[in-house]
Every structure is written in structure tokens, then in C-alpha cells.
Amino acid sequence: MSHFTLEETKRILEKIDDIQRIASENYEDNSTLMATIDHLARVAGMFADIKIQELEGEVKTSNPQVYIQNKLDIAYSKMRKYENDKSYYGF
């Protein structure tokens, strides 16, 4: 079984943060896609941040589950809308 190291988890979080930044900066290119990427990156970022806190021995984030669920619900809703629009409009 593989375990995350603190250093590797920090590198993962840096990449996630960069993905989120790119999505936010390019929101106007395709707002649905970029908003979905942004929210999913926030979910992944929170998971990575919690793992970092665990590896450092102290979890400071009070309720990450609510944050993760809210961001995931938004991304899921956007994807469901996209799927419905696609079938409705035939593209």
C-alpha cells in the first residue's frame, strides 16, 4: 500500500492550485467548463489540504466535509445541466 508523503502532497496541492487559478483566469472562455473545473479543483484542494494537516499532526479545518460537498454539488449540477442541454439542443 502506498502512502502520501508531506512533500508529495504539497506538490499535488500546488498543481491543484495552479489548475484552479487557470480555470478562474479563463472563466470567460467557457464559463460552464471553467466553473466546473474550478469547483472540482477546490474539492481536490481541500482533500489535499486536509491530508497535509493530518501529515503535520494537526487538522485545523473545522468542517471540510460541508465545503467539499457544497463544491461537489455545484460541479455536479453544472455537469447535469450541460448533459440535459446537450440532449435537448442536440449538440
N, C-alpha and C. Protein backbone atom coordinates (compact mmCIF):
# COMPACT_ATOMS: atom_id res chain seq x y z
N MET A 1 0.84 -1.18 0.00
CA MET A 1 0.00 0.00 0.00
C MET A 1 0.89 1.25 0.00
N SER A 2 0.55 2.17 -0.83
CA SER A 2 1.31 3.41 -0.97
C SER A 2 0.77 4.47 -0.01
N HIS A 3 1.67 5.26 0.56
CA HIS A 3 1.28 6.34 1.46
C HIS A 3 1.78 7.66 0.89
N PHE A 4 0.99 8.70 1.11
CA PHE A 4 1.40 10.03 0.68
C PHE A 4 2.42 10.58 1.67
N THR A 5 3.43 11.23 1.13
CA THR A 5 4.37 11.95 1.99
C THR A 5 3.92 13.40 2.05
N LEU A 6 4.41 14.11 3.03
CA LEU A 6 4.09 15.52 3.18
C LEU A 6 4.55 16.30 1.95
N GLU A 7 5.76 16.04 1.52
CA GLU A 7 6.33 16.78 0.39
C GLU A 7 5.53 16.52 -0.89
N GLU A 8 5.20 15.26 -1.15
CA GLU A 8 4.44 14.92 -2.36
C GLU A 8 3.04 15.51 -2.31
N THR A 9 2.43 15.49 -1.16
CA THR A 9 1.08 16.05 -1.03
C THR A 9 1.10 17.55 -1.25
N LYS A 10 2.14 18.22 -0.80
CA LYS A 10 2.28 19.66 -1.06
C LYS A 10 2.46 19.94 -2.54
N ARG A 11 3.20 19.08 -3.24
CA ARG A 11 3.38 19.24 -4.69
C ARG A 11 2.04 19.02 -5.41
N ILE A 12 1.28 18.06 -4.96
CA ILE A 12 -0.05 17.81 -5.53
C ILE A 12 -0.92 19.04 -5.34
N LEU A 13 -0.92 19.60 -4.13
CA LEU A 13 -1.73 20.79 -3.85
C LEU A 13 -1.31 21.97 -4.73
N GLU A 14 -0.02 22.13 -4.96
CA GLU A 14 0.46 23.21 -5.83
C GLU A 14 -0.12 23.07 -7.24
N LYS A 15 -0.14 21.85 -7.76
CA LYS A 15 -0.70 21.61 -9.10
C LYS A 15 -2.20 21.88 -9.11
N ILE A 16 -2.89 21.44 -8.08
CA ILE A 16 -4.33 21.68 -7.98
C ILE A 16 -4.60 23.18 -7.93
N ASP A 17 -3.83 23.90 -7.13
CA ASP A 17 -3.99 25.36 -7.04
C ASP A 17 -3.76 26.02 -8.39
N ASP A 18 -2.78 25.52 -9.14
CA ASP A 18 -2.50 26.07 -10.46
C ASP A 18 -3.65 25.80 -11.43
N ILE A 19 -4.21 24.60 -11.38
CA ILE A 19 -5.38 24.27 -12.20
C ILE A 19 -6.53 25.21 -11.87
N GLN A 20 -6.77 25.42 -10.59
CA GLN A 20 -7.85 26.32 -10.17
C GLN A 20 -7.60 27.75 -10.65
N ARG A 21 -6.37 28.21 -10.54
CA ARG A 21 -6.03 29.56 -10.99
C ARG A 21 -6.28 29.72 -12.49
N ILE A 22 -5.83 28.74 -13.26
CA ILE A 22 -6.02 28.79 -14.71
C ILE A 22 -7.51 28.81 -15.06
N ALA A 23 -8.28 27.97 -14.39
CA ALA A 23 -9.73 27.95 -14.65
C ALA A 23 -10.37 29.29 -14.30
N SER A 24 -9.98 29.87 -13.18
CA SER A 24 -10.55 31.16 -12.77
C SER A 24 -10.17 32.27 -13.74
N GLU A 25 -8.92 32.28 -14.18
CA GLU A 25 -8.45 33.33 -15.08
C GLU A 25 -9.05 33.22 -16.48
N ASN A 26 -9.52 32.04 -16.84
CA ASN A 26 -10.05 31.81 -18.18
C ASN A 26 -11.55 31.52 -18.19
N TYR A 27 -12.21 31.99 -17.17
CA TYR A 27 -13.65 31.75 -16.99
C TYR A 27 -14.45 32.18 -18.22
N GLU A 28 -14.09 33.28 -18.82
CA GLU A 28 -14.85 33.82 -19.95
C GLU A 28 -14.76 32.95 -21.20
N ASP A 29 -13.73 32.12 -21.32
CA ASP A 29 -13.58 31.27 -22.50
C ASP A 29 -14.72 30.26 -22.62
N ASN A 30 -15.08 29.66 -21.51
CA ASN A 30 -16.17 28.68 -21.45
C ASN A 30 -16.59 28.60 -19.99
N SER A 31 -17.55 29.43 -19.62
CA SER A 31 -17.88 29.61 -18.20
C SER A 31 -18.32 28.32 -17.52
N THR A 32 -19.11 27.50 -18.18
CA THR A 32 -19.56 26.26 -17.56
C THR A 32 -18.40 25.32 -17.29
N LEU A 33 -17.56 25.14 -18.29
CA LEU A 33 -16.41 24.25 -18.14
C LEU A 33 -15.44 24.77 -17.08
N MET A 34 -15.11 26.05 -17.15
CA MET A 34 -14.13 26.60 -16.22
C MET A 34 -14.67 26.64 -14.79
N ALA A 35 -15.95 26.92 -14.62
CA ALA A 35 -16.54 26.90 -13.27
C ALA A 35 -16.53 25.48 -12.71
N THR A 36 -16.82 24.51 -13.56
CA THR A 36 -16.81 23.11 -13.11
C THR A 36 -15.40 22.70 -12.70
N ILE A 37 -14.42 23.04 -13.53
CA ILE A 37 -13.02 22.73 -13.19
C ILE A 37 -12.63 23.42 -11.90
N ASP A 38 -13.02 24.68 -11.75
CA ASP A 38 -12.71 25.44 -10.53
C ASP A 38 -13.26 24.74 -9.30
N HIS A 39 -14.52 24.34 -9.35
CA HIS A 39 -15.13 23.69 -8.18
C HIS A 39 -14.50 22.33 -7.89
N LEU A 40 -14.21 21.56 -8.93
CA LEU A 40 -13.56 20.26 -8.71
C LEU A 40 -12.15 20.43 -8.18
N ALA A 41 -11.45 21.47 -8.64
CA ALA A 41 -10.12 21.74 -8.10
C ALA A 41 -10.21 22.14 -6.63
N ARG A 42 -11.24 22.88 -6.27
CA ARG A 42 -11.42 23.24 -4.86
C ARG A 42 -11.67 22.01 -4.00
N VAL A 43 -12.45 21.05 -4.53
CA VAL A 43 -12.69 19.79 -3.82
C VAL A 43 -11.37 19.05 -3.63
N ALA A 44 -10.64 18.89 -4.72
CA ALA A 44 -9.35 18.19 -4.64
C ALA A 44 -8.38 18.92 -3.72
N GLY A 45 -8.40 20.25 -3.80
CA GLY A 45 -7.53 21.05 -2.95
C GLY A 45 -7.83 20.88 -1.47
N MET A 46 -9.10 20.80 -1.14
CA MET A 46 -9.47 20.60 0.27
C MET A 46 -9.03 19.22 0.74
N PHE A 47 -9.22 18.20 -0.10
CA PHE A 47 -8.73 16.87 0.27
C PHE A 47 -7.22 16.90 0.52
N ALA A 48 -6.48 17.54 -0.38
CA ALA A 48 -5.02 17.62 -0.23
C ALA A 48 -4.65 18.41 1.01
N ASP A 49 -5.34 19.52 1.25
CA ASP A 49 -5.05 20.35 2.42
C ASP A 49 -5.29 19.57 3.72
N ILE A 50 -6.38 18.83 3.78
CA ILE A 50 -6.67 18.02 4.97
C ILE A 50 -5.59 16.96 5.15
N LYS A 51 -5.16 16.33 4.06
CA LYS A 51 -4.10 15.32 4.15
C LYS A 51 -2.80 15.94 4.66
N ILE A 52 -2.49 17.13 4.18
CA ILE A 52 -1.30 17.84 4.66
C ILE A 52 -1.41 18.09 6.17
N GLN A 53 -2.57 18.56 6.59
CA GLN A 53 -2.78 18.82 8.02
C GLN A 53 -2.63 17.53 8.83
N GLU A 54 -3.17 16.42 8.32
CA GLU A 54 -3.03 15.13 9.01
C GLU A 54 -1.55 14.73 9.10
N LEU A 55 -0.83 14.89 8.00
CA LEU A 55 0.59 14.52 7.99
C LEU A 55 1.41 15.41 8.91
N GLU A 56 0.97 16.65 9.10
CA GLU A 56 1.66 17.56 10.02
C GLU A 56 1.22 17.35 11.47
N GLY A 57 0.19 16.51 11.67
CA GLY A 57 -0.22 16.15 13.00
C GLY A 57 -1.30 17.00 13.63
N GLU A 58 -1.89 17.91 12.88
CA GLU A 58 -2.94 18.76 13.45
C GLU A 58 -3.90 19.21 12.35
N VAL A 59 -5.14 18.73 12.44
CA VAL A 59 -6.17 19.15 11.49
C VAL A 59 -6.82 20.41 12.04
N LYS A 60 -6.67 21.52 11.30
CA LYS A 60 -7.18 22.82 11.74
C LYS A 60 -8.51 23.17 11.09
N THR A 61 -8.80 22.60 9.93
CA THR A 61 -10.03 22.90 9.20
C THR A 61 -11.20 22.26 9.94
N SER A 62 -12.18 23.08 10.30
CA SER A 62 -13.24 22.62 11.20
C SER A 62 -14.24 21.67 10.55
N ASN A 63 -14.70 21.94 9.33
CA ASN A 63 -15.71 21.07 8.74
C ASN A 63 -15.48 20.96 7.23
N PRO A 64 -14.46 20.24 6.82
CA PRO A 64 -14.16 20.15 5.39
C PRO A 64 -15.23 19.41 4.59
N GLN A 65 -15.96 18.52 5.25
CA GLN A 65 -16.96 17.73 4.54
C GLN A 65 -18.05 18.62 3.94
N VAL A 66 -18.51 19.62 4.67
CA VAL A 66 -19.54 20.53 4.18
C VAL A 66 -19.01 21.31 2.98
N TYR A 67 -17.80 21.84 3.09
CA TYR A 67 -17.18 22.58 1.98
C TYR A 67 -17.06 21.70 0.75
N ILE A 68 -16.53 20.49 0.93
CA ILE A 68 -16.34 19.56 -0.18
C ILE A 68 -17.68 19.21 -0.82
N GLN A 69 -18.66 18.90 -0.01
CA GLN A 69 -19.97 18.52 -0.54
C GLN A 69 -20.61 19.67 -1.31
N ASN A 70 -20.51 20.90 -0.79
CA ASN A 70 -21.09 22.05 -1.49
C ASN A 70 -20.43 22.28 -2.84
N LYS A 71 -19.10 22.25 -2.89
CA LYS A 71 -18.39 22.46 -4.15
C LYS A 71 -18.67 21.33 -5.13
N LEU A 72 -18.75 20.10 -4.64
CA LEU A 72 -19.04 18.96 -5.49
C LEU A 72 -20.46 19.05 -6.03
N ASP A 73 -21.41 19.47 -5.21
CA ASP A 73 -22.80 19.63 -5.66
C ASP A 73 -22.91 20.66 -6.77
N ILE A 74 -22.16 21.74 -6.67
CA ILE A 74 -22.18 22.77 -7.71
C ILE A 74 -21.63 22.20 -9.03
N ALA A 75 -20.49 21.52 -8.96
CA ALA A 75 -19.89 20.94 -10.16
C ALA A 75 -20.83 19.89 -10.76
N TYR A 76 -21.42 19.08 -9.93
CA TYR A 76 -22.34 18.04 -10.39
C TYR A 76 -23.55 18.67 -11.08
N SER A 77 -24.09 19.71 -10.48
CA SER A 77 -25.24 20.40 -11.05
C SER A 77 -24.91 20.99 -12.43
N LYS A 78 -23.75 21.58 -12.55
CA LYS A 78 -23.33 22.16 -13.84
C LYS A 78 -23.19 21.07 -14.90
N MET A 79 -22.64 19.93 -14.53
CA MET A 79 -22.48 18.85 -15.49
C MET A 79 -23.83 18.24 -15.89
N ARG A 80 -24.73 18.11 -14.93
CA ARG A 80 -26.07 17.60 -15.26
C ARG A 80 -26.79 18.56 -16.19
N LYS A 81 -26.67 19.86 -15.94
CA LYS A 81 -27.30 20.86 -16.80
C LYS A 81 -26.70 20.77 -18.20
N TYR A 82 -25.39 20.65 -18.29
CA TYR A 82 -24.73 20.51 -19.58
C TYR A 82 -25.27 19.29 -20.32
N GLU A 83 -25.37 18.17 -19.63
CA GLU A 83 -25.86 16.94 -20.24
C GLU A 83 -27.30 17.11 -20.73
N ASN A 84 -28.15 17.73 -19.92
CA ASN A 84 -29.54 17.96 -20.30
C ASN A 84 -29.64 18.91 -21.49
N ASP A 85 -28.86 20.00 -21.46
CA ASP A 85 -28.86 20.95 -22.57
C ASP A 85 -28.39 20.28 -23.86
N LYS A 86 -27.38 19.46 -23.72
CA LYS A 86 -26.82 18.78 -24.89
C LYS A 86 -27.86 17.89 -25.54
N SER A 87 -28.58 17.13 -24.75
CA SER A 87 -29.59 16.24 -25.32
C SER A 87 -30.80 17.04 -25.84
N TYR A 88 -31.14 18.13 -25.17
CA TYR A 88 -32.28 18.95 -25.59
C TYR A 88 -32.00 19.67 -26.91
N TYR A 89 -30.82 20.25 -27.01
CA TYR A 89 -30.46 21.02 -28.20
C TYR A 89 -29.80 20.17 -29.29
N GLY A 90 -29.46 18.92 -28.96
CA GLY A 90 -28.90 18.02 -29.94
C GLY A 90 -27.48 18.30 -30.36
N PHE A 91 -26.67 18.85 -29.46
CA PHE A 91 -25.26 19.07 -29.82
C PHE A 91 -24.40 18.24 -28.95
